[in-house]
C-alpha atoms as a PDB file:
ATOM      1  CA  MET A   1     114.691  13.091  71.217  1.00  0.00           C
ATOM      2  CA  SER A   2     115.654  16.330  72.930  1.00  0.00           C
ATOM      3  CA  MET A   3     114.125  19.715  72.236  1.00  0.00           C
ATOM      4  CA  TYR A   4     115.929  23.003  72.768  1.00  0.00           C
ATOM      5  CA  ARG A   5     114.830  26.528  73.668  1.00  0.00           C
ATOM      6  CA  VAL A   6     116.646  29.867  73.510  1.00  0.00           C
ATOM      7  CA  LYS A   7     116.530  31.957  76.677  1.00  0.00           C
ATOM      8  CA  LEU A   8     117.275  35.676  76.246  1.00  0.00           C
ATOM      9  CA  ILE A   9     118.658  37.684  79.164  1.00  0.00           C
ATOM     10  CA  SER A  10     118.644  41.481  79.092  1.00  0.00           C
ATOM     11  CA  PRO A  11     118.910  44.308  81.625  1.00  0.00           C
ATOM     12  CA  VAL A  12     115.992  45.985  79.817  1.00  0.00           C
ATOM     13  CA  PHE A  13     113.342  43.225  79.784  1.00  0.00           C
ATOM     14  CA  GLY A  14     114.804  40.620  82.117  1.00  0.00           C
ATOM     15  CA  VAL A  15     114.594  36.956  81.142  1.00  0.00           C
ATOM     16  CA  ASP A  16     112.544  35.765  78.172  1.00  0.00           C
ATOM     17  CA  ASP A  17     112.201  32.020  77.807  1.00  0.00           C
ATOM     18  CA  ALA A  18     108.849  31.921  76.025  1.00  0.00           C
ATOM     19  CA  GLY A  19     110.288  31.295  72.570  1.00  0.00           C
ATOM     20  CA  PRO A  20     109.585  28.296  70.364  1.00  0.00           C
ATOM     21  CA  LEU A  21     111.080  24.848  70.780  1.00  0.00           C
ATOM     22  CA  HIS A  22     113.800  23.825  68.342  1.00  0.00           C
ATOM     23  CA  PRO A  23     114.464  20.212  67.300  1.00  0.00           C
ATOM     24  CA  GLY A  24     118.260  20.530  67.450  1.00  0.00           C
ATOM     25  CA  VAL A  25     121.106  22.582  68.860  1.00  0.00           C
ATOM     26  CA  SER A  26     122.048  23.976  65.437  1.00  0.00           C
ATOM     27  CA  GLU A  27     118.534  25.388  64.884  1.00  0.00           C
ATOM     28  CA  ALA A  28     118.532  26.909  68.384  1.00  0.00           C
ATOM     29  CA  ARG A  29     122.010  28.368  67.776  1.00  0.00           C
ATOM     30  CA  ARG A  30     120.818  29.952  64.513  1.00  0.00           C
ATOM     31  CA  ALA A  31     117.820  31.488  66.318  1.00  0.00           C
ATOM     32  CA  ALA A  32     120.103  32.789  69.094  1.00  0.00           C
ATOM     33  CA  HIS A  33     122.426  34.475  66.590  1.00  0.00           C
ATOM     34  CA  LEU A  34     119.397  36.024  64.888  1.00  0.00           C
ATOM     35  CA  MET A  35     118.181  37.452  68.205  1.00  0.00           C
ATOM     36  CA  LEU A  36     121.663  38.791  68.996  1.00  0.00           C
ATOM     37  CA  ALA A  37     121.687  40.573  65.632  1.00  0.00           C
ATOM     38  CA  LEU A  38     118.164  41.885  66.206  1.00  0.00           C
ATOM     39  CA  TYR A  39     119.014  43.285  69.646  1.00  0.00           C
ATOM     40  CA  GLN A  40     122.448  44.441  68.415  1.00  0.00           C
ATOM     41  CA  GLY A  41     124.345  42.447  71.016  1.00  0.00           C
ATOM     42  CA  ARG A  42     122.554  43.954  74.041  1.00  0.00           C
ATOM     43  CA  VAL A  43     121.315  40.545  75.166  1.00  0.00           C
ATOM     44  CA  ARG A  44     122.854  37.250  76.142  1.00  0.00           C
ATOM     45  CA  ALA A  45     121.362  34.085  74.700  1.00  0.00           C
ATOM     46  CA  GLU A  46     121.450  30.721  76.432  1.00  0.00           C
ATOM     47  CA  ILE A  47     120.498  27.493  74.709  1.00  0.00           C
ATOM     48  CA  HIS A  48     118.676  25.122  77.057  1.00  0.00           C
ATOM     49  CA  ARG A  49     117.835  21.463  76.591  1.00  0.00           C
ATOM     50  CA  VAL A  50     114.241  21.010  77.728  1.00  0.00           C
ATOM     51  CA  ILE A  51     113.870  18.270  80.343  1.00  0.00           C
ATOM     52  CA  ASP A  52     110.215  18.714  81.383  1.00  0.00           C
ATOM     53  CA  LEU A  53     107.803  21.212  79.818  1.00  0.00           C
ATOM     54  CA  ARG A  54     105.201  20.986  82.587  1.00  0.00           C
ATOM     55  CA  LEU A  55     107.716  21.738  85.339  1.00  0.00           C
ATOM     56  CA  LYS A  56     109.774  24.139  83.172  1.00  0.00           C
ATOM     57  CA  GLN A  57     112.954  22.174  83.845  1.00  0.00           C
ATOM     58  CA  SER A  58     115.859  22.741  81.491  1.00  0.00           C
ATOM     59  CA  GLU A  59     119.616  22.417  81.316  1.00  0.00           C
ATOM     60  CA  CYS A  60     121.880  25.116  79.865  1.00  0.00           C
ATOM     61  CA  VAL A  61     124.067  23.631  77.145  1.00  0.00           C
ATOM     62  CA  GLU A  62     125.549  26.758  75.538  1.00  0.00           C
ATOM     63  CA  VAL A  63     125.867  30.509  76.155  1.00  0.00           C
ATOM     64  CA  ILE A  64     126.099  32.879  73.185  1.00  0.00           C
ATOM     65  CA  GLY A  65     126.955  36.551  73.412  1.00  0.00           C
ATOM     66  CA  PRO A  66     128.646  38.621  76.077  1.00  0.00           C
ATOM     67  CA  TRP A  67     126.976  39.996  79.141  1.00  0.00           C
ATOM     68  CA  PRO A  68     125.405  43.363  78.339  1.00  0.00           C
ATOM     69  CA  GLN A  69     127.490  46.386  79.225  1.00  0.00           C
ATOM     70  CA  ALA A  70     126.686  48.128  82.499  1.00  0.00           C
ATOM     71  CA  GLY A  71     124.924  51.439  82.354  1.00  0.00           C
ATOM     72  CA  PRO A  72     121.601  52.830  81.284  1.00  0.00           C
ATOM     73  CA  PRO A  73     119.753  51.177  78.411  1.00  0.00           C
ATOM     74  CA  PRO A  74     120.043  52.916  75.041  1.00  0.00           C
ATOM     75  CA  ALA A  75     117.343  55.434  74.178  1.00  0.00           C
END
């Protein structure tokens, strides 16, 4: 059984992959859309299938959201 994790990428805080594990792609997708709404589209979310937790190995299975626009972060 595969587990999935959402990785957030932002020009403001970098990469955040410390979120919870999700039992399926649909649950991870729902969490990614929630984070996109929370950050108002200023992040890109990647859904990764976890291969090995100890070695932090994962495989990107889906990308949600556009790359953030270039320029300074909003105030």
